[in-house]
Amino acid sequence: GVDIVRINGDTGAVEDKINVPNIQPQYFGMYGAAVDKEGNMWASQLGQGTLLFVDGLTLQYKTWPMAGSGYGMTVGSSGYVWTCSYEASRFDPLTETWQKLGVGGSGGCMEDTNGTLYMSGGNNNIVAIDVETLQVKATYPLPQYVHGISIDYYGYVWGVSIGAQAYRIDINNPGAFQTFNNLVGAYTYSDMTGVALSNVSPQ
């Protein structure tokens, strides 16, 4: 199985360790992880593997088969859990059901605080998806494919290529973006600006 380890952020000491024997480690164990606003951990596997929930207080866990292929994953202020790759797959913890929308691409995703999921899509686009209806709200074309998606505290959406460029998109000005060059081996597929911390309650 896989081991889930909770580490003290100040001291580095291991506080808790949970073994989950019914998950096959595959190549990378659990590939993505995030914490929800109740302090619980969610994790997903690369490809179409297993979604894992660990209660932040009791350390009890639960697992579900993933509905679609996962690369990036996130938990938003809506409470939904998302796995993203060629499709955006939405897990509702209340009903324990999945819904999904195919958008192409194969990278990351991030939810803002206004009910929109931003995802790396096909045809060098960032795709904005309504978190409730799963309808595409807008697409933002870029010069190249971006693998990592994040949102900063000013509301800009960032896309990072695999390589040397990052793009900052102004969602209120369609077609407008800034390019940042000279990155060295950039590689991310999830949150890299820290805004997801706003979805987590202080512990």
C-alpha atoms as a PDB file:
ATOM      1  CA  GLY A   1       0.000   0.000   0.000  1.00  0.00           C
ATOM      2  CA  VAL A   2       0.955   3.640   0.519  1.00  0.00           C
ATOM      3  CA  ASP A   3       1.965   5.599   3.609  1.00  0.00           C
ATOM      4  CA  ILE A   4       0.564   9.059   4.315  1.00  0.00           C
ATOM      5  CA  VAL A   5       2.811  11.126   6.584  1.00  0.00           C
ATOM      6  CA  ARG A   6       1.924  14.343   8.416  1.00  0.00           C
ATOM      7  CA  ILE A   7       4.947  16.503   9.207  1.00  0.00           C
ATOM      8  CA  ASN A   8       5.181  19.465  11.564  1.00  0.00           C
ATOM      9  CA  GLY A   9       5.753  22.515   9.365  1.00  0.00           C
ATOM     10  CA  ASP A  10       7.943  24.249  11.953  1.00  0.00           C
ATOM     11  CA  THR A  11      10.137  21.432  13.224  1.00  0.00           C
ATOM     12  CA  GLY A  12      10.005  18.822  10.445  1.00  0.00           C
ATOM     13  CA  ALA A  13       9.057  16.161  12.974  1.00  0.00           C
ATOM     14  CA  VAL A  14       6.761  13.341  11.824  1.00  0.00           C
ATOM     15  CA  GLU A  15       3.514  13.726  13.751  1.00  0.00           C
ATOM     16  CA  ASP A  16       1.375  11.002  12.187  1.00  0.00           C
ATOM     17  CA  LYS A  17       1.761   8.152   9.741  1.00  0.00           C
ATOM     18  CA  ILE A  18      -1.157   6.288   8.175  1.00  0.00           C
ATOM     19  CA  ASN A  19      -0.801   3.152   6.089  1.00  0.00           C
ATOM     20  CA  VAL A  20      -3.410   2.591   3.377  1.00  0.00           C
ATOM     21  CA  PRO A  21      -2.950  -1.027   2.296  1.00  0.00           C
ATOM     22  CA  ASN A  22      -5.660  -1.190  -0.371  1.00  0.00           C
ATOM     23  CA  ILE A  23      -3.989   1.309  -2.740  1.00  0.00           C
ATOM     24  CA  GLN A  24      -1.495   0.020  -5.280  1.00  0.00           C
ATOM     25  CA  PRO A  25       1.569   2.315  -5.301  1.00  0.00           C
ATOM     26  CA  GLN A  26       2.028   2.044  -9.092  1.00  0.00           C
ATOM     27  CA  TYR A  27       4.864   4.341 -10.209  1.00  0.00           C
ATOM     28  CA  PHE A  28       4.560   7.301  -7.862  1.00  0.00           C
ATOM     29  CA  GLY A  29       2.259   6.332  -4.999  1.00  0.00           C
ATOM     30  CA  MET A  30      -0.077   9.302  -4.502  1.00  0.00           C
ATOM     31  CA  TYR A  31       0.808  11.888  -7.146  1.00  0.00           C
ATOM     32  CA  GLY A  32      -1.134  14.968  -6.025  1.00  0.00           C
ATOM     33  CA  ALA A  33      -2.430  16.115  -2.638  1.00  0.00           C
ATOM     34  CA  ALA A  34      -4.337  19.066  -1.175  1.00  0.00           C
ATOM     35  CA  VAL A  35      -6.018  20.056   2.076  1.00  0.00           C
ATOM     36  CA  ASP A  36      -9.658  21.177   2.293  1.00  0.00           C
ATOM     37  CA  LYS A  37     -11.126  23.918   4.477  1.00  0.00           C
ATOM     38  CA  GLU A  38     -11.775  21.445   7.319  1.00  0.00           C
ATOM     39  CA  GLY A  39      -8.122  20.409   7.405  1.00  0.00           C
ATOM     40  CA  ASN A  40      -8.664  17.017   5.760  1.00  0.00           C
ATOM     41  CA  MET A  41      -6.259  15.666   3.168  1.00  0.00           C
ATOM     42  CA  TRP A  42      -7.193  14.518  -0.328  1.00  0.00           C
ATOM     43  CA  ALA A  43      -4.785  12.764  -2.669  1.00  0.00           C
ATOM     44  CA  SER A  44      -4.987  11.276  -6.153  1.00  0.00           C
ATOM     45  CA  GLN A  45      -2.887   8.998  -8.296  1.00  0.00           C
ATOM     46  CA  LEU A  46      -1.348   9.569 -11.685  1.00  0.00           C
ATOM     47  CA  GLY A  47      -3.611   8.162 -14.379  1.00  0.00           C
ATOM     48  CA  GLN A  48      -6.942   6.625 -13.471  1.00  0.00           C
ATOM     49  CA  GLY A  49      -6.145   5.196 -10.056  1.00  0.00           C
ATOM     50  CA  THR A  50      -7.529   5.948  -6.602  1.00  0.00           C
ATOM     51  CA  LEU A  51      -8.782   9.070  -4.805  1.00  0.00           C
ATOM     52  CA  LEU A  52      -7.925   9.088  -1.093  1.00  0.00           C
ATOM     53  CA  PHE A  53      -9.446  11.032   1.820  1.00  0.00           C
ATOM     54  CA  VAL A  54      -7.821  11.259   5.261  1.00  0.00           C
ATOM     55  CA  ASP A  55      -9.749  12.896   8.115  1.00  0.00           C
ATOM     56  CA  GLY A  56      -7.516  15.559   9.671  1.00  0.00           C
ATOM     57  CA  LEU A  57      -8.727  14.822  13.213  1.00  0.00           C
ATOM     58  CA  THR A  58      -9.414  11.086  13.412  1.00  0.00           C
ATOM     59  CA  LEU A  59      -6.934  10.000  10.691  1.00  0.00           C
ATOM     60  CA  GLN A  60      -9.593   7.636   9.354  1.00  0.00           C
ATOM     61  CA  TYR A  61      -9.392   7.229   5.590  1.00  0.00           C
ATOM     62  CA  LYS A  62     -11.654   6.392   2.690  1.00  0.00           C
ATOM     63  CA  THR A  63     -10.942   5.629  -0.964  1.00  0.00           C
ATOM     64  CA  TRP A  64     -12.813   5.770  -4.256  1.00  0.00           C
ATOM     65  CA  PRO A  65     -11.900   4.763  -7.818  1.00  0.00           C
ATOM     66  CA  MET A  66     -11.108   7.821  -9.929  1.00  0.00           C
ATOM     67  CA  ALA A  67     -13.550   8.507 -12.761  1.00  0.00           C
ATOM     68  CA  GLY A  68     -11.004   9.863 -15.209  1.00  0.00           C
ATOM     69  CA  SER A  69      -7.318  10.271 -15.752  1.00  0.00           C
ATOM     70  CA  GLY A  70      -5.618  12.527 -13.220  1.00  0.00           C
ATOM     71  CA  TYR A  71      -2.430  14.558 -13.407  1.00  0.00           C
ATOM     72  CA  GLY A  72      -3.044  17.785 -11.538  1.00  0.00           C
ATOM     73  CA  MET A  73      -5.511  17.908  -8.665  1.00  0.00           C
ATOM     74  CA  THR A  74      -7.002  20.551  -6.403  1.00  0.00           C
ATOM     75  CA  VAL A  75      -9.612  21.142  -3.716  1.00  0.00           C
ATOM     76  CA  GLY A  76     -11.452  24.434  -4.023  1.00  0.00           C
ATOM     77  CA  SER A  77     -13.514  26.730  -1.834  1.00  0.00           C
ATOM     78  CA  SER A  78     -16.596  25.008  -3.298  1.00  0.00           C
ATOM     79  CA  GLY A  79     -15.611  21.817  -1.469  1.00  0.00           C
ATOM     80  CA  TYR A  80     -15.336  19.871  -4.716  1.00  0.00           C
ATOM     81  CA  VAL A  81     -12.253  17.751  -5.359  1.00  0.00           C
ATOM     82  CA  TRP A  82     -10.869  17.931  -8.892  1.00  0.00           C
ATOM     83  CA  THR A  83      -8.525  15.684 -10.826  1.00  0.00           C
ATOM     84  CA  CYS A  84      -7.381  17.090 -14.161  1.00  0.00           C
ATOM     85  CA  SER A  85      -5.712  15.738 -17.256  1.00  0.00           C
ATOM     86  CA  TYR A  86      -7.516  15.307 -20.564  1.00  0.00           C
ATOM     87  CA  GLU A  87     -10.725  15.954 -18.666  1.00  0.00           C
ATOM     88  CA  ALA A  88     -11.828  17.847 -15.579  1.00  0.00           C
ATOM     89  CA  SER A  89     -13.239  15.264 -13.165  1.00  0.00           C
ATOM     90  CA  ARG A  90     -15.250  16.664 -10.241  1.00  0.00           C
ATOM     91  CA  PHE A  91     -15.812  14.626  -7.075  1.00  0.00           C
ATOM     92  CA  ASP A  92     -18.589  15.732  -4.720  1.00  0.00           C
ATOM     93  CA  PRO A  93     -17.761  14.578  -1.150  1.00  0.00           C
ATOM     94  CA  LEU A  94     -21.403  14.962  -0.085  1.00  0.00           C
ATOM     95  CA  THR A  95     -22.828  12.560  -2.668  1.00  0.00           C
ATOM     96  CA  GLU A  96     -19.584  10.647  -3.317  1.00  0.00           C
ATOM     97  CA  THR A  97     -20.208  10.911  -7.048  1.00  0.00           C
ATOM     98  CA  TRP A  98     -18.135  12.014 -10.031  1.00  0.00           C
ATOM     99  CA  GLN A  99     -18.904  14.155 -13.037  1.00  0.00           C
ATOM    100  CA  LYS A 100     -16.458  15.068 -15.779  1.00  0.00           C
ATOM    101  CA  LEU A 101     -15.900  17.257 -18.801  1.00  0.00           C
ATOM    102  CA  GLY A 102     -13.396  16.592 -21.592  1.00  0.00           C
ATOM    103  CA  VAL A 103     -11.262  19.594 -22.542  1.00  0.00           C
ATOM    104  CA  GLY A 104      -8.055  18.175 -24.035  1.00  0.00           C
ATOM    105  CA  GLY A 105      -4.700  19.157 -22.601  1.00  0.00           C
ATOM    106  CA  SER A 106      -2.973  17.042 -19.981  1.00  0.00           C
ATOM    107  CA  GLY A 107      -1.856  19.318 -17.167  1.00  0.00           C
ATOM    108  CA  GLY A 108      -2.994  21.049 -14.017  1.00  0.00           C
ATOM    109  CA  CYS A 109      -5.962  22.965 -12.690  1.00  0.00           C
ATOM    110  CA  MET A 110      -6.870  25.418  -9.941  1.00  0.00           C
ATOM    111  CA  GLU A 111     -10.182  26.755  -8.614  1.00  0.00           C
ATOM    112  CA  ASP A 112     -10.664  30.424  -7.775  1.00  0.00           C
ATOM    113  CA  THR A 113     -12.943  31.799  -5.042  1.00  0.00           C
ATOM    114  CA  ASN A 114     -15.670  32.823  -7.503  1.00  0.00           C
ATOM    115  CA  GLY A 115     -16.876  29.460  -8.764  1.00  0.00           C
ATOM    116  CA  THR A 116     -14.490  28.930 -11.661  1.00  0.00           C
ATOM    117  CA  LEU A 117     -11.987  26.157 -12.314  1.00  0.00           C
ATOM    118  CA  TYR A 118      -9.083  27.075 -14.588  1.00  0.00           C
ATOM    119  CA  MET A 119      -7.471  24.198 -16.431  1.00  0.00           C
ATOM    120  CA  SER A 120      -4.757  23.531 -18.963  1.00  0.00           C
ATOM    121  CA  GLY A 121      -6.685  22.707 -22.128  1.00  0.00           C
ATOM    122  CA  GLY A 122      -5.975  21.578 -25.647  1.00  0.00           C
ATOM    123  CA  ASN A 123      -4.942  23.879 -28.519  1.00  0.00           C
ATOM    124  CA  ASN A 124      -2.688  25.975 -26.240  1.00  0.00           C
ATOM    125  CA  ASN A 125      -5.629  27.279 -24.210  1.00  0.00           C
ATOM    126  CA  ILE A 126      -6.453  27.833 -20.574  1.00  0.00           C
ATOM    127  CA  VAL A 127     -10.084  26.817 -20.094  1.00  0.00           C
ATOM    128  CA  ALA A 128     -12.436  28.388 -17.516  1.00  0.00           C
ATOM    129  CA  ILE A 129     -15.087  25.952 -16.261  1.00  0.00           C
ATOM    130  CA  ASP A 130     -18.124  26.709 -14.085  1.00  0.00           C
ATOM    131  CA  VAL A 131     -17.688  24.522 -11.002  1.00  0.00           C
ATOM    132  CA  GLU A 132     -21.448  23.905 -10.624  1.00  0.00           C
ATOM    133  CA  THR A 133     -22.627  23.383 -14.202  1.00  0.00           C
ATOM    134  CA  LEU A 134     -19.372  22.025 -15.688  1.00  0.00           C
ATOM    135  CA  GLN A 135     -19.901  24.320 -18.648  1.00  0.00           C
ATOM    136  CA  VAL A 136     -16.977  26.070 -20.321  1.00  0.00           C
ATOM    137  CA  LYS A 137     -17.227  29.779 -19.483  1.00  0.00           C
ATOM    138  CA  ALA A 138     -14.271  31.073 -21.507  1.00  0.00           C
ATOM    139  CA  THR A 139     -11.018  30.052 -23.174  1.00  0.00           C
ATOM    140  CA  TYR A 140      -7.785  32.031 -23.045  1.00  0.00           C
ATOM    141  CA  PRO A 141      -5.418  31.338 -25.968  1.00  0.00           C
ATOM    142  CA  LEU A 142      -1.669  31.394 -25.372  1.00  0.00           C
ATOM    143  CA  PRO A 143       1.375  31.060 -27.647  1.00  0.00           C
ATOM    144  CA  GLN A 144       2.114  27.529 -26.429  1.00  0.00           C
ATOM    145  CA  TYR A 145       0.837  24.715 -24.267  1.00  0.00           C
ATOM    146  CA  VAL A 146       1.006  25.406 -20.530  1.00  0.00           C
ATOM    147  CA  HIS A 147       1.274  22.548 -18.066  1.00  0.00           C
ATOM    148  CA  GLY A 148       0.900  24.293 -14.717  1.00  0.00           C
ATOM    149  CA  ILE A 149      -2.055  26.467 -13.684  1.00  0.00           C
ATOM    150  CA  SER A 150      -2.349  28.725 -10.676  1.00  0.00           C
ATOM    151  CA  ILE A 151      -4.163  31.835  -9.463  1.00  0.00           C
ATOM    152  CA  ASP A 152      -2.500  34.614  -7.502  1.00  0.00           C
ATOM    153  CA  TYR A 153      -3.922  36.820  -4.765  1.00  0.00           C
ATOM    154  CA  TYR A 154      -4.687  39.591  -7.290  1.00  0.00           C
ATOM    155  CA  GLY A 155      -6.929  37.301  -9.342  1.00  0.00           C
ATOM    156  CA  TYR A 156      -4.543  36.775 -12.258  1.00  0.00           C
ATOM    157  CA  VAL A 157      -4.385  33.273 -13.725  1.00  0.00           C
ATOM    158  CA  TRP A 158      -0.907  31.911 -14.412  1.00  0.00           C
ATOM    159  CA  GLY A 159       0.104  29.283 -16.939  1.00  0.00           C
ATOM    160  CA  VAL A 160       3.581  27.780 -16.933  1.00  0.00           C
ATOM    161  CA  SER A 161       5.069  25.966 -19.900  1.00  0.00           C
ATOM    162  CA  ILE A 162       7.420  23.040 -19.608  1.00  0.00           C
ATOM    163  CA  GLY A 163      10.605  24.978 -20.147  1.00  0.00           C
ATOM    164  CA  ALA A 164      11.255  28.704 -20.094  1.00  0.00           C
ATOM    165  CA  GLN A 165       8.003  30.709 -20.166  1.00  0.00           C
ATOM    166  CA  ALA A 166       5.218  31.668 -17.799  1.00  0.00           C
ATOM    167  CA  TYR A 167       2.128  33.667 -18.742  1.00  0.00           C
ATOM    168  CA  ARG A 168      -0.048  35.877 -16.533  1.00  0.00           C
ATOM    169  CA  ILE A 169      -3.612  36.189 -17.846  1.00  0.00           C
ATOM    170  CA  ASP A 170      -5.947  39.068 -17.064  1.00  0.00           C
ATOM    171  CA  ILE A 171      -9.357  37.338 -17.064  1.00  0.00           C
ATOM    172  CA  ASN A 172     -11.127  40.713 -17.190  1.00  0.00           C
ATOM    173  CA  ASN A 173      -9.370  41.629 -20.422  1.00  0.00           C
ATOM    174  CA  PRO A 174      -9.845  38.716 -22.870  1.00  0.00           C
ATOM    175  CA  GLY A 175      -6.762  38.041 -24.931  1.00  0.00           C
ATOM    176  CA  ALA A 176      -4.469  40.043 -22.660  1.00  0.00           C
ATOM    177  CA  PHE A 177      -1.514  38.327 -21.043  1.00  0.00           C
ATOM    178  CA  GLN A 178       2.038  39.060 -19.989  1.00  0.00           C
ATOM    179  CA  THR A 179       4.952  36.770 -20.828  1.00  0.00           C
ATOM    180  CA  PHE A 180       7.807  36.053 -18.436  1.00  0.00           C
ATOM    181  CA  ASN A 181      10.862  34.476 -20.044  1.00  0.00           C
ATOM    182  CA  ASN A 182      14.176  32.929 -19.029  1.00  0.00           C
ATOM    183  CA  LEU A 183      12.855  30.362 -16.606  1.00  0.00           C
ATOM    184  CA  VAL A 184      15.143  27.335 -16.357  1.00  0.00           C
ATOM    185  CA  GLY A 185      13.465  23.956 -16.721  1.00  0.00           C
ATOM    186  CA  ALA A 186      10.118  25.173 -15.380  1.00  0.00           C
ATOM    187  CA  TYR A 187       7.856  22.302 -14.406  1.00  0.00           C
ATOM    188  CA  THR A 188       4.704  22.561 -12.350  1.00  0.00           C
ATOM    189  CA  TYR A 189       1.178  21.288 -12.732  1.00  0.00           C
ATOM    190  CA  SER A 190      -0.494  22.669  -9.627  1.00  0.00           C
ATOM    191  CA  ASP A 191      -0.575  25.632  -7.262  1.00  0.00           C
ATOM    192  CA  MET A 192       2.650  27.657  -7.176  1.00  0.00           C
ATOM    193  CA  THR A 193       1.377  31.039  -5.998  1.00  0.00           C
ATOM    194  CA  GLY A 194      -0.070  30.044  -2.646  1.00  0.00           C
ATOM    195  CA  VAL A 195      -3.637  31.260  -3.207  1.00  0.00           C
ATOM    196  CA  ALA A 196      -4.984  27.776  -2.414  1.00  0.00           C
ATOM    197  CA  LEU A 197      -4.062  28.529   1.204  1.00  0.00           C
ATOM    198  CA  SER A 198      -7.132  30.788   1.268  1.00  0.00           C
ATOM    199  CA  ASN A 199      -9.263  27.655   0.967  1.00  0.00           C
ATOM    200  CA  VAL A 200      -7.793  26.173   4.144  1.00  0.00           C
ATOM    201  CA  SER A 201      -8.994  27.243   7.585  1.00  0.00           C
ATOM    202  CA  PRO A 202      -6.300  28.116  10.171  1.00  0.00           C
ATOM    203  CA  GLN A 203      -5.411  25.132  12.342  1.00  0.00           C
END
